[in-house]
C-alpha atoms as a PDB file:
ATOM      1  CA  MET A   1     191.664 251.701   7.736  1.00  0.00           C
ATOM      2  CA  ASN A   2     193.370 250.144   4.715  1.00  0.00           C
ATOM      3  CA  SER A   3     191.384 247.022   3.756  1.00  0.00           C
ATOM      4  CA  PHE A   4     194.498 244.845   3.681  1.00  0.00           C
ATOM      5  CA  LEU A   5     195.614 245.999   7.148  1.00  0.00           C
ATOM      6  CA  PHE A   6     192.124 245.304   8.444  1.00  0.00           C
ATOM      7  CA  VAL A   7     192.245 241.778   7.052  1.00  0.00           C
ATOM      8  CA  LEU A   8     195.718 241.188   8.513  1.00  0.00           C
ATOM      9  CA  LYS A   9     194.654 242.454  11.938  1.00  0.00           C
ATOM     10  CA  TYR A  10     191.578 240.238  11.810  1.00  0.00           C
ATOM     11  CA  ILE A  11     193.645 237.151  10.949  1.00  0.00           C
ATOM     12  CA  VAL A  12     196.185 237.701  13.727  1.00  0.00           C
ATOM     13  CA  GLY A  13     193.363 237.709  16.244  1.00  0.00           C
ATOM     14  CA  ASN A  14     191.525 234.771  14.670  1.00  0.00           C
ATOM     15  CA  LYS A  15     193.965 231.953  13.937  1.00  0.00           C
ATOM     16  CA  SER A  16     191.127 229.501  13.270  1.00  0.00           C
ATOM     17  CA  LEU A  17     190.626 231.018   9.803  1.00  0.00           C
ATOM     18  CA  SER A  18     191.328 228.368   7.169  1.00  0.00           C
ATOM     19  CA  LEU A  19     189.905 229.583   3.849  1.00  0.00           C
ATOM     20  CA  LEU A  20     191.305 232.510   1.856  1.00  0.00           C
ATOM     21  CA  ILE A  21     188.981 233.685  -0.914  1.00  0.00           C
ATOM     22  CA  ILE A  22     190.688 235.637  -3.695  1.00  0.00           C
ATOM     23  CA  ILE A  23     188.237 237.557  -5.828  1.00  0.00           C
ATOM     24  CA  LYS A  24     188.526 240.073  -8.633  1.00  0.00           C
ATOM     25  CA  PRO A  25     186.033 242.976  -8.469  1.00  0.00           C
ATOM     26  CA  SER A  26     183.341 242.179 -11.018  1.00  0.00           C
ATOM     27  CA  THR A  27     179.768 243.003 -11.987  1.00  0.00           C
ATOM     28  CA  LYS A  28     179.325 239.567 -13.581  1.00  0.00           C
ATOM     29  CA  LYS A  29     176.328 237.653 -12.262  1.00  0.00           C
ATOM     30  CA  GLN A  30     178.385 234.459 -12.157  1.00  0.00           C
ATOM     31  CA  SER A  31     180.889 236.047  -9.798  1.00  0.00           C
ATOM     32  CA  GLU A  32     178.173 237.277  -7.441  1.00  0.00           C
ATOM     33  CA  LYS A  33     176.396 233.926  -7.602  1.00  0.00           C
ATOM     34  CA  SER A  34     179.575 231.976  -6.803  1.00  0.00           C
ATOM     35  CA  LEU A  35     180.431 234.228  -3.862  1.00  0.00           C
ATOM     36  CA  ILE A  36     176.960 233.904  -2.361  1.00  0.00           C
ATOM     37  CA  TRP A  37     177.163 230.114  -2.689  1.00  0.00           C
ATOM     38  CA  LEU A  38     180.652 229.961  -1.153  1.00  0.00           C
ATOM     39  CA  LYS A  39     179.681 232.117   1.812  1.00  0.00           C
ATOM     40  CA  SER A  40     176.612 229.960   2.434  1.00  0.00           C
ATOM     41  CA  ILE A  41     178.720 226.777   2.365  1.00  0.00           C
ATOM     42  CA  CYS A  42     181.203 228.299   4.821  1.00  0.00           C
ATOM     43  CA  LYS A  43     178.360 229.174   7.166  1.00  0.00           C
ATOM     44  CA  LYS A  44     176.698 225.778   6.784  1.00  0.00           C
ATOM     45  CA  ARG A  45     179.924 223.837   7.417  1.00  0.00           C
ATOM     46  CA  SER A  46     181.287 226.262  10.017  1.00  0.00           C
ATOM     47  CA  PHE A  47     184.269 227.156   7.839  1.00  0.00           C
ATOM     48  CA  SER A  48     186.156 230.302   8.720  1.00  0.00           C
ATOM     49  CA  TYR A  49     187.112 232.459   5.779  1.00  0.00           C
ATOM     50  CA  CYS A  50     188.631 235.752   4.758  1.00  0.00           C
ATOM     51  CA  MET A  51     188.351 237.639   1.474  1.00  0.00           C
ATOM     52  CA  PHE A  52     191.131 239.288  -0.501  1.00  0.00           C
ATOM     53  CA  THR A  53     189.986 241.579  -3.305  1.00  0.00           C
ATOM     54  CA  THR A  54     192.547 242.088  -6.070  1.00  0.00           C
ATOM     55  CA  THR A  55     193.552 245.601  -7.099  1.00  0.00           C
ATOM     56  CA  GLY A  56     195.014 244.969 -10.556  1.00  0.00           C
ATOM     57  CA  ASN A  57     198.572 245.578  -9.330  1.00  0.00           C
ATOM     58  CA  PHE A  58     200.053 242.105  -9.791  1.00  0.00           C
ATOM     59  CA  ASN A  59     203.248 242.518  -7.774  1.00  0.00           C
ATOM     60  CA  ASN A  60     201.583 244.202  -4.802  1.00  0.00           C
ATOM     61  CA  ASP A  61     198.662 241.763  -4.752  1.00  0.00           C
ATOM     62  CA  CYS A  62     201.025 238.803  -4.989  1.00  0.00           C
ATOM     63  CA  ALA A  63     203.151 240.079  -2.102  1.00  0.00           C
ATOM     64  CA  GLN A  64     200.142 240.728   0.119  1.00  0.00           C
ATOM     65  CA  ILE A  65     198.620 237.310  -0.574  1.00  0.00           C
ATOM     66  CA  ARG A  66     201.926 235.675   0.398  1.00  0.00           C
ATOM     67  CA  LEU A  67     201.803 237.465   3.741  1.00  0.00           C
ATOM     68  CA  LEU A  68     198.386 235.954   4.386  1.00  0.00           C
ATOM     69  CA  LEU A  69     199.005 232.353   3.344  1.00  0.00           C
ATOM     70  CA  SER A  70     200.508 231.051   6.582  1.00  0.00           C
ATOM     71  CA  LYS A  71     197.129 231.532   8.260  1.00  0.00           C
ATOM     72  CA  PHE A  72     195.195 229.339   5.813  1.00  0.00           C
ATOM     73  CA  THR A  73     195.004 225.791   4.557  1.00  0.00           C
ATOM     74  CA  LYS A  74     193.109 226.435   1.328  1.00  0.00           C
ATOM     75  CA  VAL A  75     192.848 229.245  -1.221  1.00  0.00           C
ATOM     76  CA  VAL A  76     189.724 229.584  -3.364  1.00  0.00           C
ATOM     77  CA  VAL A  77     189.896 231.760  -6.476  1.00  0.00           C
ATOM     78  CA  LEU A  78     186.740 233.408  -7.797  1.00  0.00           C
ATOM     79  CA  GLY A  79     187.723 234.724 -11.200  1.00  0.00           C
ATOM     80  CA  GLY A  80     189.302 233.846 -14.511  1.00  0.00           C
ATOM     81  CA  ASP A  81     192.751 232.982 -15.792  1.00  0.00           C
ATOM     82  CA  GLY A  82     194.394 236.222 -14.632  1.00  0.00           C
ATOM     83  CA  THR A  83     193.179 235.925 -11.043  1.00  0.00           C
ATOM     84  CA  LEU A  84     194.087 232.240 -10.994  1.00  0.00           C
ATOM     85  CA  SER A  85     197.583 233.030 -12.271  1.00  0.00           C
ATOM     86  CA  LEU A  86     198.015 235.625  -9.525  1.00  0.00           C
ATOM     87  CA  ALA A  87     197.124 233.017  -6.910  1.00  0.00           C
ATOM     88  CA  VAL A  88     199.503 230.456  -8.436  1.00  0.00           C
ATOM     89  CA  ASN A  89     202.431 232.887  -8.308  1.00  0.00           C
ATOM     90  CA  ALA A  90     201.644 233.652  -4.667  1.00  0.00           C
ATOM     91  CA  LEU A  91     201.172 230.005  -3.653  1.00  0.00           C
ATOM     92  CA  ILE A  92     204.402 228.560  -5.068  1.00  0.00           C
ATOM     93  CA  GLY A  93     206.361 227.200  -2.126  1.00  0.00           C
ATOM     94  CA  SER A  94     203.323 227.305   0.150  1.00  0.00           C
ATOM     95  CA  SER A  95     201.550 224.350   1.758  1.00  0.00           C
ATOM     96  CA  CYS A  96     198.113 225.782   0.886  1.00  0.00           C
ATOM     97  CA  THR A  97     195.904 223.935  -1.565  1.00  0.00           C
ATOM     98  CA  LEU A  98     194.207 225.762  -4.439  1.00  0.00           C
ATOM     99  CA  ALA A  99     190.606 225.589  -5.636  1.00  0.00           C
ATOM    100  CA  LEU A 100     188.814 227.488  -8.401  1.00  0.00           C
ATOM    101  CA  LEU A 101     185.292 228.702  -9.041  1.00  0.00           C
ATOM    102  CA  PRO A 102     185.510 229.951 -12.662  1.00  0.00           C
ATOM    103  CA  CYS A 103     183.827 233.288 -13.275  1.00  0.00           C
ATOM    104  CA  GLY A 104     186.168 235.168 -15.598  1.00  0.00           C
ATOM    105  CA  THR A 105     185.893 236.220 -19.223  1.00  0.00           C
ATOM    106  CA  GLY A 106     187.979 233.644 -21.082  1.00  0.00           C
ATOM    107  CA  ASN A 107     188.174 230.875 -18.455  1.00  0.00           C
ATOM    108  CA  ASP A 108     190.627 228.980 -20.667  1.00  0.00           C
ATOM    109  CA  PHE A 109     192.175 226.934 -17.862  1.00  0.00           C
ATOM    110  CA  SER A 110     188.835 225.728 -16.507  1.00  0.00           C
ATOM    111  CA  ARG A 111     187.578 225.051 -20.042  1.00  0.00           C
ATOM    112  CA  GLY A 112     190.172 222.299 -20.340  1.00  0.00           C
ATOM    113  CA  PHE A 113     188.276 220.159 -17.820  1.00  0.00           C
ATOM    114  CA  SER A 114     184.927 220.271 -19.691  1.00  0.00           C
ATOM    115  CA  CYS A 115     183.144 220.438 -16.344  1.00  0.00           C
ATOM    116  CA  LYS A 116     180.001 222.186 -15.179  1.00  0.00           C
ATOM    117  CA  GLU A 117     179.540 224.659 -12.350  1.00  0.00           C
ATOM    118  CA  ASP A 118     178.435 221.976  -9.910  1.00  0.00           C
ATOM    119  CA  ASP A 119     181.587 219.932 -10.619  1.00  0.00           C
ATOM    120  CA  TRP A 120     183.781 222.900  -9.692  1.00  0.00           C
ATOM    121  CA  ARG A 121     181.831 223.430  -6.495  1.00  0.00           C
ATOM    122  CA  LYS A 122     182.255 219.796  -5.474  1.00  0.00           C
ATOM    123  CA  ALA A 123     185.965 220.024  -6.301  1.00  0.00           C
ATOM    124  CA  LEU A 124     186.485 222.281  -3.282  1.00  0.00           C
ATOM    125  CA  PHE A 125     186.077 219.167  -1.136  1.00  0.00           C
ATOM    126  CA  ASN A 126     188.021 216.728  -3.342  1.00  0.00           C
ATOM    127  CA  THR A 127     191.424 215.461  -2.294  1.00  0.00           C
ATOM    128  CA  PRO A 128     193.895 217.808  -4.046  1.00  0.00           C
ATOM    129  CA  THR A 129     196.144 216.583  -6.864  1.00  0.00           C
ATOM    130  CA  ALA A 130     199.780 217.622  -7.265  1.00  0.00           C
ATOM    131  CA  ILE A 131     200.017 219.379 -10.649  1.00  0.00           C
ATOM    132  CA  ASP A 132     202.793 220.903 -12.736  1.00  0.00           C
ATOM    133  CA  VAL A 133     203.415 224.623 -13.094  1.00  0.00           C
ATOM    134  CA  GLY A 134     205.322 226.265 -15.921  1.00  0.00           C
ATOM    135  CA  LYS A 135     207.674 229.201 -15.592  1.00  0.00           C
ATOM    136  CA  ILE A 136     208.781 231.782 -18.143  1.00  0.00           C
ATOM    137  CA  ASN A 137     211.519 234.048 -16.796  1.00  0.00           C
ATOM    138  CA  SER A 138     210.304 235.017 -13.312  1.00  0.00           C
ATOM    139  CA  ARG A 139     206.602 234.389 -13.970  1.00  0.00           C
ATOM    140  CA  TYR A 140     204.869 231.103 -13.154  1.00  0.00           C
ATOM    141  CA  PHE A 141     201.946 229.962 -15.290  1.00  0.00           C
ATOM    142  CA  ILE A 142     199.374 227.233 -14.747  1.00  0.00           C
ATOM    143  CA  ASN A 143     197.870 227.210 -18.243  1.00  0.00           C
ATOM    144  CA  ILE A 144     199.812 228.485 -21.278  1.00  0.00           C
ATOM    145  CA  ALA A 145     202.628 230.920 -22.020  1.00  0.00           C
ATOM    146  CA  GLY A 146     203.314 232.179 -25.513  1.00  0.00           C
ATOM    147  CA  VAL A 147     205.525 234.368 -27.665  1.00  0.00           C
ATOM    148  CA  GLY A 148     204.259 235.946 -30.865  1.00  0.00           C
ATOM    149  CA  PHE A 149     200.784 236.593 -32.205  1.00  0.00           C
ATOM    150  CA  ASP A 150     198.972 235.468 -29.054  1.00  0.00           C
ATOM    151  CA  ALA A 151     200.866 238.048 -26.986  1.00  0.00           C
ATOM    152  CA  HIS A 152     200.095 240.660 -29.650  1.00  0.00           C
ATOM    153  CA  VAL A 153     196.363 239.896 -29.286  1.00  0.00           C
ATOM    154  CA  VAL A 154     196.577 240.126 -25.478  1.00  0.00           C
ATOM    155  CA  LYS A 155     198.124 243.572 -25.844  1.00  0.00           C
ATOM    156  CA  ALA A 156     195.288 244.666 -28.169  1.00  0.00           C
ATOM    157  CA  ILE A 157     192.652 243.246 -25.789  1.00  0.00           C
ATOM    158  CA  ASN A 158     194.209 245.035 -22.812  1.00  0.00           C
ATOM    159  CA  ALA A 159     193.740 248.346 -24.625  1.00  0.00           C
ATOM    160  CA  LYS A 160     189.961 247.888 -24.327  1.00  0.00           C
ATOM    161  CA  ALA A 161     188.108 249.191 -21.298  1.00  0.00           C
ATOM    162  CA  SER A 162     186.094 245.962 -21.172  1.00  0.00           C
ATOM    163  CA  PHE A 163     185.834 242.881 -23.321  1.00  0.00           C
ATOM    164  CA  SER A 164     183.925 239.632 -23.749  1.00  0.00           C
ATOM    165  CA  SER A 165     184.978 236.148 -24.811  1.00  0.00           C
ATOM    166  CA  PHE A 166     183.788 237.022 -28.332  1.00  0.00           C
ATOM    167  CA  ASP A 167     186.292 239.897 -28.384  1.00  0.00           C
ATOM    168  CA  TYR A 168     189.151 237.396 -28.178  1.00  0.00           C
ATOM    169  CA  SER A 169     188.135 235.726 -31.440  1.00  0.00           C
ATOM    170  CA  TRP A 170     187.187 238.940 -33.222  1.00  0.00           C
ATOM    171  CA  THR A 171     190.359 240.753 -32.165  1.00  0.00           C
ATOM    172  CA  SER A 172     192.462 237.769 -33.237  1.00  0.00           C
ATOM    173  CA  ILE A 173     190.955 237.775 -36.717  1.00  0.00           C
ATOM    174  CA  LYS A 174     191.296 241.535 -37.076  1.00  0.00           C
ATOM    175  CA  GLU A 175     194.858 241.757 -35.766  1.00  0.00           C
ATOM    176  CA  LEU A 176     195.996 238.905 -37.996  1.00  0.00           C
ATOM    177  CA  PHE A 177     195.856 241.290 -40.965  1.00  0.00           C
ATOM    178  CA  TYR A 178     198.248 243.730 -39.262  1.00  0.00           C
ATOM    179  CA  TYR A 179     200.591 241.408 -37.417  1.00  0.00           C
ATOM    180  CA  GLN A 180     204.215 241.493 -38.558  1.00  0.00           C
ATOM    181  CA  ALA A 181     205.874 238.148 -37.818  1.00  0.00           C
ATOM    182  CA  GLN A 182     209.456 238.302 -36.553  1.00  0.00           C
ATOM    183  CA  GLN A 183     212.407 235.963 -36.639  1.00  0.00           C
ATOM    184  CA  LEU A 184     212.743 233.827 -33.532  1.00  0.00           C
ATOM    185  CA  GLN A 185     215.886 232.017 -32.450  1.00  0.00           C
ATOM    186  CA  GLY A 186     215.775 229.596 -29.569  1.00  0.00           C
ATOM    187  CA  THR A 187     216.761 226.279 -28.089  1.00  0.00           C
ATOM    188  CA  PHE A 188     214.095 223.661 -27.463  1.00  0.00           C
ATOM    189  CA  ASN A 189     215.214 220.523 -25.601  1.00  0.00           C
ATOM    190  CA  ASN A 190     218.790 221.258 -26.703  1.00  0.00           C
ATOM    191  CA  ASP A 191     217.628 221.630 -30.324  1.00  0.00           C
ATOM    192  CA  VAL A 192     218.579 225.045 -31.783  1.00  0.00           C
ATOM    193  CA  ARG A 193     215.937 226.453 -34.118  1.00  0.00           C
ATOM    194  CA  GLN A 194     215.409 229.667 -36.053  1.00  0.00           C
ATOM    195  CA  TYR A 195     212.199 230.526 -37.892  1.00  0.00           C
ATOM    196  CA  GLN A 196     209.725 233.243 -38.801  1.00  0.00           C
ATOM    197  CA  ASN A 197     207.424 233.044 -35.791  1.00  0.00           C
ATOM    198  CA  LEU A 198     203.643 233.297 -35.889  1.00  0.00           C
ATOM    199  CA  ILE A 199     202.920 231.577 -32.565  1.00  0.00           C
ATOM    200  CA  THR A 200     205.175 229.696 -30.174  1.00  0.00           C
ATOM    201  CA  VAL A 201     203.354 228.396 -27.112  1.00  0.00           C
ATOM    202  CA  PHE A 202     204.317 226.352 -24.075  1.00  0.00           C
ATOM    203  CA  ALA A 203     201.216 224.571 -22.841  1.00  0.00           C
ATOM    204  CA  ASN A 204     200.611 223.064 -19.425  1.00  0.00           C
ATOM    205  CA  HIS A 205     196.922 222.719 -20.273  1.00  0.00           C
ATOM    206  CA  LYS A 206     194.730 222.691 -23.358  1.00  0.00           C
ATOM    207  CA  TYR A 207     193.047 226.023 -24.212  1.00  0.00           C
ATOM    208  CA  PHE A 208     194.108 229.623 -24.782  1.00  0.00           C
ATOM    209  CA  GLY A 209     192.873 232.751 -26.558  1.00  0.00           C
ATOM    210  CA  GLY A 210     189.286 232.587 -25.340  1.00  0.00           C
ATOM    211  CA  GLY A 211     188.540 228.998 -26.314  1.00  0.00           C
ATOM    212  CA  LEU A 212     191.122 227.788 -28.861  1.00  0.00           C
ATOM    213  CA  GLU A 213     192.230 224.225 -28.099  1.00  0.00           C
ATOM    214  CA  ILE A 214     195.877 224.565 -29.050  1.00  0.00           C
ATOM    215  CA  ALA A 215     197.183 221.613 -26.971  1.00  0.00           C
ATOM    216  CA  PRO A 216     194.662 218.756 -26.804  1.00  0.00           C
ATOM    217  CA  LYS A 217     197.290 216.323 -25.446  1.00  0.00           C
ATOM    218  CA  ALA A 218     198.457 218.538 -22.582  1.00  0.00           C
ATOM    219  CA  ASP A 219     198.600 216.823 -19.187  1.00  0.00           C
ATOM    220  CA  LEU A 220     198.869 218.737 -15.922  1.00  0.00           C
ATOM    221  CA  THR A 221     200.688 215.886 -14.191  1.00  0.00           C
ATOM    222  CA  ASP A 222     203.274 214.568 -16.684  1.00  0.00           C
ATOM    223  CA  GLY A 223     206.142 216.926 -15.812  1.00  0.00           C
ATOM    224  CA  LEU A 224     206.320 218.296 -19.366  1.00  0.00           C
ATOM    225  CA  LEU A 225     205.068 221.227 -21.439  1.00  0.00           C
ATOM    226  CA  GLU A 226     203.545 220.840 -24.898  1.00  0.00           C
ATOM    227  CA  CYS A 227     205.366 223.125 -27.341  1.00  0.00           C
ATOM    228  CA  TYR A 228     203.681 224.279 -30.559  1.00  0.00           C
ATOM    229  CA  GLN A 229     205.709 226.341 -33.014  1.00  0.00           C
ATOM    230  CA  MET A 230     203.585 227.775 -35.809  1.00  0.00           C
ATOM    231  CA  ARG A 231     205.722 229.405 -38.497  1.00  0.00           C
ATOM    232  CA  SER A 232     204.513 232.431 -40.406  1.00  0.00           C
ATOM    233  CA  GLY A 233     203.970 231.986 -44.135  1.00  0.00           C
ATOM    234  CA  GLY A 234     202.454 235.265 -45.283  1.00  0.00           C
ATOM    235  CA  LEU A 235     198.972 236.713 -44.729  1.00  0.00           C
ATOM    236  CA  PHE A 236     196.972 234.135 -46.691  1.00  0.00           C
ATOM    237  CA  TYR A 237     198.786 231.197 -45.125  1.00  0.00           C
ATOM    238  CA  ASN A 238     198.485 232.704 -41.634  1.00  0.00           C
ATOM    239  CA  VAL A 239     194.728 233.188 -42.034  1.00  0.00           C
ATOM    240  CA  ILE A 240     194.337 229.578 -43.161  1.00  0.00           C
ATOM    241  CA  SER A 241     196.483 228.400 -40.231  1.00  0.00           C
ATOM    242  CA  PHE A 242     194.386 230.408 -37.783  1.00  0.00           C
ATOM    243  CA  MET A 243     191.150 228.988 -39.202  1.00  0.00           C
ATOM    244  CA  LYS A 244     192.520 225.453 -38.834  1.00  0.00           C
ATOM    245  CA  LEU A 245     193.392 226.255 -35.237  1.00  0.00           C
ATOM    246  CA  PHE A 246     189.892 227.639 -34.691  1.00  0.00           C
ATOM    247  CA  PHE A 247     188.343 224.410 -35.993  1.00  0.00           C
ATOM    248  CA  LYS A 248     190.868 222.175 -34.162  1.00  0.00           C
ATOM    249  CA  ARG A 249     192.577 221.107 -37.383  1.00  0.00           C
ATOM    250  CA  HIS A 250     195.935 222.738 -36.726  1.00  0.00           C
ATOM    251  CA  GLN A 251     197.649 219.371 -36.304  1.00  0.00           C
ATOM    252  CA  HIS A 252     197.592 219.237 -40.117  1.00  0.00           C
ATOM    253  CA  ILE A 253     199.327 222.583 -40.661  1.00  0.00           C
ATOM    254  CA  LYS A 254     202.466 222.031 -42.717  1.00  0.00           C
ATOM    255  CA  ASN A 255     204.547 224.670 -40.946  1.00  0.00           C
ATOM    256  CA  LEU A 256     203.714 223.456 -37.434  1.00  0.00           C
ATOM    257  CA  SER A 257     206.284 221.801 -35.169  1.00  0.00           C
ATOM    258  CA  TYR A 258     205.236 219.933 -32.052  1.00  0.00           C
ATOM    259  CA  SER A 259     207.336 218.700 -29.164  1.00  0.00           C
ATOM    260  CA  ARG A 260     207.144 217.876 -25.467  1.00  0.00           C
ATOM    261  CA  LEU A 261     209.798 219.493 -23.331  1.00  0.00           C
ATOM    262  CA  ASN A 262     210.869 220.517 -19.857  1.00  0.00           C
ATOM    263  CA  THR A 263     213.184 223.343 -20.823  1.00  0.00           C
ATOM    264  CA  ALA A 264     213.574 225.923 -23.581  1.00  0.00           C
ATOM    265  CA  SER A 265     215.089 229.330 -24.150  1.00  0.00           C
ATOM    266  CA  ILE A 266     214.478 232.138 -26.619  1.00  0.00           C
ATOM    267  CA  LYS A 267     217.471 234.259 -27.518  1.00  0.00           C
ATOM    268  CA  THR A 268     215.750 236.840 -29.741  1.00  0.00           C
ATOM    269  CA  GLU A 269     215.156 240.140 -27.966  1.00  0.00           C
ATOM    270  CA  GLY A 270     212.036 242.283 -27.864  1.00  0.00           C
ATOM    271  CA  LEU A 271     209.266 239.743 -28.559  1.00  0.00           C
ATOM    272  CA  LEU A 272     206.153 240.118 -26.394  1.00  0.00           C
ATOM    273  CA  ILE A 273     205.447 237.355 -23.875  1.00  0.00           C
ATOM    274  CA  GLU A 274     202.053 236.410 -22.485  1.00  0.00           C
ATOM    275  CA  ALA A 275     201.352 233.958 -19.684  1.00  0.00           C
ATOM    276  CA  ASP A 276     197.854 232.847 -18.674  1.00  0.00           C
ATOM    277  CA  GLY A 277     196.417 235.618 -20.837  1.00  0.00           C
ATOM    278  CA  GLU A 278     198.477 238.413 -19.268  1.00  0.00           C
ATOM    279  CA  LEU A 279     201.397 240.361 -20.764  1.00  0.00           C
ATOM    280  CA  VAL A 280     204.433 239.554 -18.628  1.00  0.00           C
ATOM    281  CA  GLY A 281     207.371 241.097 -20.492  1.00  0.00           C
ATOM    282  CA  LYS A 282     209.577 240.586 -23.525  1.00  0.00           C
ATOM    283  CA  THR A 283     212.175 238.105 -24.682  1.00  0.00           C
ATOM    284  CA  PRO A 284     214.847 236.845 -24.193  1.00  0.00           C
ATOM    285  CA  ALA A 285     213.227 234.153 -22.115  1.00  0.00           C
ATOM    286  CA  VAL A 286     213.945 230.938 -20.261  1.00  0.00           C
ATOM    287  CA  ILE A 287     211.103 228.428 -20.018  1.00  0.00           C
ATOM    288  CA  SER A 288     210.909 225.540 -17.552  1.00  0.00           C
ATOM    289  CA  VAL A 289     208.393 223.310 -15.805  1.00  0.00           C
ATOM    290  CA  TYR A 290     208.113 222.457 -12.105  1.00  0.00           C
ATOM    291  CA  GLY A 291     206.609 219.015 -11.651  1.00  0.00           C
ATOM    292  CA  GLN A 292     203.988 218.509  -8.935  1.00  0.00           C
ATOM    293  CA  ALA A 293     204.583 222.040  -7.673  1.00  0.00           C
ATOM    294  CA  LEU A 294     201.024 222.859  -6.615  1.00  0.00           C
ATOM    295  CA  LEU A 295     198.182 221.043  -4.855  1.00  0.00           C
ATOM    296  CA  PHE A 296     195.022 221.704  -6.881  1.00  0.00           C
ATOM    297  CA  HIS A 297     191.447 220.592  -6.238  1.00  0.00           C
ATOM    298  CA  MET A 298     190.617 218.981  -9.578  1.00  0.00           C
ATOM    299  CA  PRO A 299     186.991 218.828 -10.710  1.00  0.00           C
ATOM    300  CA  ILE A 300     185.696 215.397 -11.665  1.00  0.00           C
ATOM    301  CA  LYS A 301     183.528 215.324 -14.775  1.00  0.00           C
ATOM    302  CA  LYS A 302     180.368 213.299 -14.377  1.00  0.00           C
ATOM    303  CA  ARG A 303     180.334 210.183 -16.502  1.00  0.00           C
ATOM    304  CA  LEU A 304     177.313 209.464 -18.668  1.00  0.00           C
ATOM    305  CA  GLN A 305     175.222 206.648 -17.252  1.00  0.00           C
END
């Protein structure tokens, strides 16, 4: 029997189920460890649960998760940014709350909380917080969407059979020598701009690219996106700009524009778009933010005594 049909049949006959676990197939020890812990907690606390294993087909997985949501009160994601983004796109408009046990490769969204594994586990039982969600064209994003070099790197990474967090940094450095910046024309908070684009990102949270803190001021609950527009200035200048970004000194880059916005559009055609570390299409694009659109179980970082 198809695994999804089996799950659906099981849910129909067991309406007491309340926890939907979304997991990406993985050989990572962290993923296995988190699943074992979660199952033990469900048994200990008499929680009912059901597992949905992703297939890599975003549209199909998203549609199937939506069919399941009415039977649950909480969704727990075991994975990284891509699996989390899948869950977010499925949950929009749902009354389910969302929790995360980070066990992906980049884990950029979870990195923004500076929390440990135990904090994320405790977060499953915290009162959820209403957080903002960004949208670029038809795709929602919880972390960061970007147009330009970051999307180019995502495309290069996707060509690999497997990759590590180190591959993000190494691929970024390598691809910087081959990247051809293109002219970008867009409107940002009713301000029309045109420039040679290196990176243009719309940040709901802080990190992207496997650990680069592009948006240190980003706030998940302020109803706005942080917009960073890094203009291209030739190979040498781009390398220097990237190194400043790597060492969190990009606020001092001369050709960097920063703004906070709730709407933007990009008119230029054919530029790659990435959202939450996944390629999601090409420009033109319309960017917006949906305030308090999702109930998320935030981890609470332990204070030093």
